[in-house]
Amino acid sequence: MNLKPLGKSGLAVPPLVFGGNVFGWTADERTSFNLLDACIEAGLNAIDTADVYTRIAPYHGGESETVIGRWIKRRGGRDRLLIATKVGWDMGPAGKGLSGTYLRKAVDASLRRLQTDYIDLYQAHIDDPDTPLEETLQAFAELLHAGKVRAIGASNYSALRLKQALETSRRLGLPRFESFQPRYNLCDRAEFEADAAALCREEGLGVITYFSLASGFLSGKYRSAADLQGNRREAWLQPYFTKRGERILAALREVAARHDATPTQVALAWIMARPGVTAPIASATSVDQLSHLIAATRLQLDQAAIDSLNAVSEIS
């Protein structure tokens, strides 16, 4: 499987990053181990997680990292994995934010759960306006120097804040964020494309997109809002059922039929073909679902399909 460089970090990722948010949550430990085995076998060696996955009652956070750590201990092969985790979101009593004190504590907690002595990509999960960028970046630099982290990135930053962080690194001679993780898919294009996309291209940052299937809306599983009744994702999916959303679904089905593919595969292939995007993140809760994600990495959309999808999802 072809790998793409992640910014100027020296790391390289496959065309799709597996979303580990499901581990220990919607995928139990046994299923999670099977998914990780299948990912490695298929060449999808990059796993995205976070310390806060999955802090939804009755869970407390740390479950995903813990499952990954147990899998590594049992299967070995840490050197074959690219583990990307995140820090900064509210972990309840454990703390939150991007202060130097908290980063030093949080990275050690993640390393213990992951049962490894280094994290390949350590990302600021959310901006912390109460902590100066200088303090956050200096702390990240210390973690890099100590060998606990190989590269750093940012997620959920505004384009302005990301630019300020990059400028701060240059001014102080500190390591910079080498990747950016935005919410981006056929339905959610406006925020990233407005400013951050151009900044990432200019700065040579890697881009790993999350919510790449719009919480499952783009999977084609749901044809109308009525299909959401009783679904635990109803609150996330309901806003997508607009006239524009329905047009996007129709175009996905049409392109999928022409390419002998599924809407999921087409939606992911569209992101993979976007200029400046390194890889989308997508998750699965069964090996069968994962096989469809793997197939997406082999799908080459023709220009007519890309033009059709671009037009129907164009930002007004």
Protein backbone atom coordinates (compact mmCIF):
# COMPACT_ATOMS: atom_id res chain seq x y z
CA MET A 1 0.00 0.00 0.00
CA ASN A 2 1.39 3.40 -0.99
CA LEU A 3 2.36 5.67 1.89
CA LYS A 4 2.21 9.46 1.88
CA PRO A 5 4.50 11.76 3.87
CA LEU A 6 2.84 13.48 6.83
CA GLY A 7 3.97 17.05 6.47
CA LYS A 8 7.69 17.36 7.14
CA SER A 9 7.56 15.06 10.16
CA GLY A 10 9.41 12.16 8.57
CA LEU A 11 6.37 9.98 9.22
CA ALA A 12 4.39 8.36 6.41
CA VAL A 13 0.80 7.15 6.50
CA PRO A 14 -1.32 4.88 4.30
CA PRO A 15 -4.20 6.38 2.29
CA LEU A 16 -6.62 5.70 5.15
CA VAL A 17 -6.12 6.01 8.91
CA PHE A 18 -8.19 3.71 11.10
CA GLY A 19 -10.25 5.46 13.75
CA GLY A 20 -9.69 3.84 17.12
CA ASN A 21 -12.54 5.70 18.82
CA VAL A 22 -14.58 2.47 18.63
CA PHE A 23 -12.13 0.37 20.64
CA GLY A 24 -13.51 -0.58 24.03
CA TRP A 25 -16.78 1.19 23.20
CA THR A 26 -18.84 0.02 20.23
CA ALA A 27 -16.23 -2.67 19.54
CA ASP A 28 -15.39 -4.89 22.50
CA GLU A 29 -11.81 -5.94 23.16
CA ARG A 30 -11.96 -9.17 21.16
CA THR A 31 -13.49 -7.40 18.16
CA SER A 32 -10.98 -4.57 18.50
CA PHE A 33 -8.09 -7.05 18.41
CA ASN A 34 -9.54 -8.63 15.25
CA LEU A 35 -9.88 -5.20 13.65
CA LEU A 36 -6.29 -4.29 14.50
CA ASP A 37 -5.06 -7.60 13.11
CA ALA A 38 -6.98 -7.02 9.88
CA CYS A 39 -5.69 -3.45 9.59
CA ILE A 40 -2.08 -4.57 9.84
CA GLU A 41 -2.63 -7.40 7.37
CA ALA A 42 -4.09 -4.92 4.87
CA GLY A 43 -1.27 -2.42 5.33
CA LEU A 44 -3.35 0.11 7.28
CA ASN A 45 -0.80 0.60 10.02
CA ALA A 46 -1.86 4.08 11.19
CA ILE A 47 -4.27 4.15 14.13
CA ASP A 48 -5.86 7.37 15.40
CA THR A 49 -7.04 7.54 19.00
CA ALA A 50 -7.22 9.99 21.93
CA ASP A 51 -6.97 9.90 25.69
CA VAL A 52 -10.62 10.97 25.94
CA TYR A 53 -11.94 8.02 23.90
CA THR A 54 -14.46 7.18 25.03
CA ARG A 55 -15.61 9.41 27.86
CA ILE A 56 -19.31 8.77 27.38
CA ALA A 57 -21.18 7.35 30.38
CA PRO A 58 -20.59 4.77 31.70
CA TYR A 59 -17.07 5.02 30.27
CA HIS A 60 -14.40 7.30 31.73
CA GLY A 61 -11.92 7.84 28.88
CA GLY A 62 -8.73 5.94 28.16
CA GLU A 63 -10.56 2.81 26.98
CA SER A 64 -9.34 3.03 23.39
CA GLU A 65 -5.68 3.55 24.32
CA THR A 66 -5.93 0.73 26.85
CA VAL A 67 -7.25 -1.72 24.25
CA ILE A 68 -4.52 -0.76 21.80
CA GLY A 69 -1.91 -1.23 24.53
CA ARG A 70 -3.19 -4.69 25.39
CA TRP A 71 -3.17 -5.63 21.71
CA ILE A 72 0.43 -4.45 21.35
CA LYS A 73 1.47 -6.43 24.40
CA ARG A 74 -0.18 -9.58 23.08
CA ARG A 75 0.71 -9.30 19.37
CA GLY A 76 3.95 -7.30 19.44
CA GLY A 77 5.05 -5.45 16.33
CA ARG A 78 5.02 -1.95 17.79
CA ASP A 79 7.50 -0.86 15.11
CA ARG A 80 4.92 -1.68 12.43
CA LEU A 81 2.39 0.76 13.89
CA LEU A 82 1.96 4.49 13.59
CA ILE A 83 0.02 5.50 16.68
CA ALA A 84 -1.56 8.96 16.69
CA THR A 85 -3.22 10.04 19.90
CA LYS A 86 -4.54 13.33 21.22
CA VAL A 87 -4.56 15.38 24.41
CA GLY A 88 -6.38 18.38 25.79
CA TRP A 89 -10.04 17.41 25.93
CA ASP A 90 -11.77 17.32 29.31
CA MET A 91 -10.81 14.11 31.13
CA GLY A 92 -12.81 14.91 34.24
CA PRO A 93 -10.81 14.53 37.45
CA ALA A 94 -7.65 13.79 35.45
CA GLY A 95 -7.67 17.31 34.01
CA LYS A 96 -7.77 19.05 30.63
CA GLY A 97 -6.06 21.68 28.53
CA LEU A 98 -2.60 22.22 27.06
CA SER A 99 -0.58 23.64 29.91
CA GLY A 100 2.95 22.38 30.28
CA THR A 101 2.15 20.70 33.59
CA TYR A 102 -0.85 18.89 32.20
CA LEU A 103 0.88 17.81 28.96
CA ARG A 104 3.73 16.22 30.87
CA LYS A 105 1.27 14.32 33.05
CA ALA A 106 -1.09 13.36 30.24
CA VAL A 107 1.57 11.99 27.91
CA ASP A 108 2.82 9.62 30.61
CA ALA A 109 -0.73 8.42 31.23
CA SER A 110 -1.22 7.75 27.50
CA LEU A 111 2.11 5.92 27.29
CA ARG A 112 1.10 3.68 30.19
CA ARG A 113 -2.25 2.85 28.62
CA LEU A 114 -0.68 2.24 25.21
CA GLN A 115 2.10 0.13 26.79
CA THR A 116 4.72 1.82 24.65
CA ASP A 117 7.60 4.20 25.28
CA TYR A 118 6.81 6.57 22.43
CA ILE A 119 3.88 8.08 20.53
CA ASP A 120 4.36 8.63 16.81
CA LEU A 121 2.02 11.62 16.47
CA TYR A 122 0.87 13.54 19.56
CA GLN A 123 -1.87 16.01 18.77
CA ALA A 124 -3.46 18.90 20.59
CA HIS A 125 -7.07 17.69 20.49
CA ILE A 126 -8.62 21.10 21.02
CA ASP A 127 -7.31 24.63 21.39
CA ASP A 128 -6.69 25.89 24.92
CA PRO A 129 -7.17 29.66 24.86
CA ASP A 130 -6.23 29.89 28.55
CA THR A 131 -2.67 28.65 27.94
CA PRO A 132 -0.16 30.71 25.93
CA LEU A 133 0.95 29.03 22.72
CA GLU A 134 4.54 29.52 23.85
CA GLU A 135 3.95 27.33 26.92
CA THR A 136 2.17 24.59 24.96
CA LEU A 137 4.78 24.45 22.21
CA GLN A 138 7.67 24.50 24.68
CA ALA A 139 6.13 21.53 26.50
CA PHE A 140 5.67 19.64 23.23
CA ALA A 141 9.32 20.39 22.41
CA GLU A 142 10.36 18.81 25.72
CA LEU A 143 8.36 15.68 24.94
CA LEU A 144 9.99 15.45 21.50
CA HIS A 145 13.46 15.93 22.99
CA ALA A 146 12.77 13.23 25.59
CA GLY A 147 11.82 10.77 22.84
CA LYS A 148 8.29 10.31 24.18
CA VAL A 149 6.85 11.79 20.97
CA ARG A 150 8.07 11.66 17.36
CA ALA A 151 5.93 14.45 15.87
CA ILE A 152 3.20 16.86 16.96
CA GLY A 153 -0.02 18.03 15.37
CA ALA A 154 -3.18 20.01 16.03
CA SER A 155 -6.88 19.28 15.77
CA ASN A 156 -9.92 21.56 15.99
CA TYR A 157 -7.90 24.76 15.79
CA SER A 158 -9.22 27.73 13.85
CA ALA A 159 -7.12 28.68 10.83
CA LEU A 160 -6.05 31.86 12.64
CA ARG A 161 -4.98 30.00 15.76
CA LEU A 162 -3.12 27.39 13.71
CA LYS A 163 -1.29 30.16 11.86
CA GLN A 164 -0.37 31.81 15.17
CA ALA A 165 0.98 28.51 16.48
CA LEU A 166 3.16 28.03 13.41
CA GLU A 167 4.44 31.59 13.66
CA THR A 168 5.20 31.10 17.35
CA SER A 169 7.26 28.00 16.59
CA ARG A 170 9.26 29.90 13.97
CA ARG A 171 9.81 32.89 16.24
CA LEU A 172 11.02 30.81 19.19
CA GLY A 173 12.84 28.13 17.21
CA LEU A 174 10.54 25.42 18.54
CA PRO A 175 9.24 22.30 16.77
CA ARG A 176 6.04 23.04 14.90
CA PHE A 177 2.76 21.25 14.36
CA GLU A 178 3.38 19.01 11.35
CA SER A 179 -0.22 17.94 10.85
CA PHE A 180 -3.74 19.26 11.13
CA GLN A 181 -6.85 17.23 11.82
CA PRO A 182 -10.02 18.99 10.64
CA ARG A 183 -13.63 17.91 10.39
CA TYR A 184 -14.00 17.40 6.65
CA ASN A 185 -16.25 15.42 4.32
CA LEU A 186 -18.59 15.95 1.37
CA CYS A 187 -21.14 17.62 3.65
CA ASP A 188 -18.74 19.57 5.87
CA ARG A 189 -16.49 21.47 3.50
CA ALA A 190 -16.91 25.13 4.38
CA GLU A 191 -14.85 25.53 7.55
CA PHE A 192 -11.71 23.74 6.35
CA GLU A 193 -11.77 24.99 2.77
CA ALA A 194 -12.37 28.63 3.74
CA ASP A 195 -8.93 29.28 5.23
CA ALA A 196 -7.20 26.28 6.78
CA ALA A 197 -6.79 24.29 3.57
CA ALA A 198 -4.72 27.03 1.93
CA LEU A 199 -2.66 27.51 5.10
CA CYS A 200 -1.89 23.79 5.29
CA ARG A 201 -0.77 23.74 1.64
CA GLU A 202 1.40 26.84 2.09
CA GLU A 203 3.03 25.45 5.24
CA GLY A 204 3.35 21.88 3.96
CA LEU A 205 1.30 20.37 6.76
CA GLY A 206 -0.14 16.88 6.63
CA VAL A 207 -3.95 16.79 6.77
CA ILE A 208 -5.82 13.89 8.36
CA THR A 209 -9.57 14.39 8.25
CA TYR A 210 -12.04 13.24 10.89
CA PHE A 211 -15.81 12.67 10.58
CA SER A 212 -14.89 11.63 7.04
CA LEU A 213 -18.28 9.90 6.65
CA ALA A 214 -20.26 12.60 8.46
CA SER A 215 -21.03 10.34 11.43
CA GLY A 216 -22.24 7.65 9.02
CA PHE A 217 -24.56 9.87 6.97
CA LEU A 218 -22.46 9.31 3.85
CA SER A 219 -22.45 5.53 4.27
CA GLY A 220 -25.78 5.32 2.45
CA LYS A 221 -27.28 3.42 5.36
CA TYR A 222 -29.83 6.15 6.06
CA ARG A 223 -32.09 7.33 3.25
CA SER A 224 -34.32 9.66 5.27
CA ALA A 225 -34.58 11.22 8.71
CA ALA A 226 -37.21 8.61 9.57
CA ASP A 227 -34.46 5.97 9.51
CA LEU A 228 -32.85 7.63 12.53
CA GLN A 229 -35.56 6.95 15.08
CA GLY A 230 -34.04 5.19 18.06
CA ASN A 231 -30.51 5.49 16.64
CA ARG A 232 -27.95 6.70 19.18
CA ARG A 233 -26.42 8.89 16.48
CA GLU A 234 -29.70 10.66 15.76
CA ALA A 235 -28.58 13.98 17.23
CA TRP A 236 -25.42 13.97 15.08
CA LEU A 237 -27.11 12.81 11.87
CA GLN A 238 -30.31 14.86 11.92
CA PRO A 239 -28.66 18.14 10.77
CA TYR A 240 -27.41 16.46 7.57
CA PHE A 241 -30.91 15.66 6.32
CA THR A 242 -31.37 18.82 4.27
CA LYS A 243 -32.08 19.30 0.58
CA ARG A 244 -28.33 19.62 0.01
CA GLY A 245 -27.66 16.48 2.03
CA GLU A 246 -30.21 14.51 0.05
CA ARG A 247 -28.63 15.68 -3.23
CA ILE A 248 -25.23 14.53 -1.98
CA LEU A 249 -26.62 11.10 -1.09
CA ALA A 250 -28.24 10.77 -4.51
CA ALA A 251 -24.96 11.67 -6.24
CA LEU A 252 -23.06 9.19 -4.06
CA ARG A 253 -25.44 6.40 -5.00
CA GLU A 254 -25.16 7.26 -8.70
CA VAL A 255 -21.34 7.36 -8.65
CA ALA A 256 -21.20 4.18 -6.56
CA ALA A 257 -23.38 2.33 -9.07
CA ARG A 258 -21.14 3.38 -11.98
CA HIS A 259 -17.98 2.32 -10.15
CA ASP A 260 -19.36 -0.92 -8.70
CA ALA A 261 -18.66 0.49 -5.24
CA THR A 262 -20.53 1.56 -2.12
CA PRO A 263 -21.38 5.12 -1.03
CA THR A 264 -18.89 4.72 1.84
CA GLN A 265 -16.09 3.87 -0.57
CA VAL A 266 -16.96 6.74 -2.89
CA ALA A 267 -17.15 9.28 -0.05
CA LEU A 268 -13.71 8.22 1.22
CA ALA A 269 -12.20 8.06 -2.26
CA TRP A 270 -13.39 11.63 -2.88
CA ILE A 271 -11.48 12.82 0.21
CA MET A 272 -8.39 10.83 -0.78
CA ALA A 273 -8.45 12.63 -4.13
CA ARG A 274 -8.68 16.12 -2.58
CA PRO A 275 -5.59 18.28 -3.09
CA GLY A 276 -3.66 18.73 0.14
CA VAL A 277 -5.36 15.92 2.06
CA THR A 278 -3.01 13.22 3.34
CA ALA A 279 -5.61 10.68 4.49
CA PRO A 280 -9.12 10.45 5.94
CA ILE A 281 -9.88 8.74 9.22
CA ALA A 282 -12.64 6.12 9.23
CA SER A 283 -13.66 3.47 11.70
CA ALA A 284 -15.49 0.15 11.65
CA THR A 285 -16.98 -2.13 14.26
CA SER A 286 -16.57 -5.39 12.34
CA VAL A 287 -14.01 -6.93 10.02
CA ASP A 288 -16.67 -7.01 7.29
CA GLN A 289 -17.16 -3.24 7.59
CA LEU A 290 -13.39 -2.81 7.57
CA SER A 291 -13.15 -4.68 4.27
CA HIS A 292 -15.25 -1.93 2.66
CA LEU A 293 -12.88 0.73 4.03
CA ILE A 294 -9.91 -1.18 2.65
CA ALA A 295 -11.62 -1.37 -0.75
CA ALA A 296 -11.95 2.42 -0.71
CA THR A 297 -8.16 2.75 -0.80
CA ARG A 298 -8.18 0.98 -4.18
CA LEU A 299 -11.02 2.99 -5.71
CA GLN A 300 -9.97 5.51 -8.34
CA LEU A 301 -12.79 7.93 -9.17
CA ASP A 302 -12.91 9.23 -12.73
CA GLN A 303 -12.98 12.97 -13.34
CA ALA A 304 -16.68 12.94 -14.15
CA ALA A 305 -17.43 11.42 -10.75
CA ILE A 306 -15.23 13.94 -8.95
CA ASP A 307 -16.82 16.83 -10.83
CA SER A 308 -20.30 15.55 -9.99
CA LEU A 309 -19.52 15.24 -6.30
CA ASN A 310 -17.79 18.60 -6.21
CA ALA A 311 -20.78 20.30 -7.81
CA VAL A 312 -23.45 18.76 -5.62
CA SER A 313 -21.51 19.49 -2.41
CA GLU A 314 -20.25 22.92 -3.43
CA ILE A 315 -20.22 25.48 -0.68
CA SER A 316 -22.82 28.16 -1.25
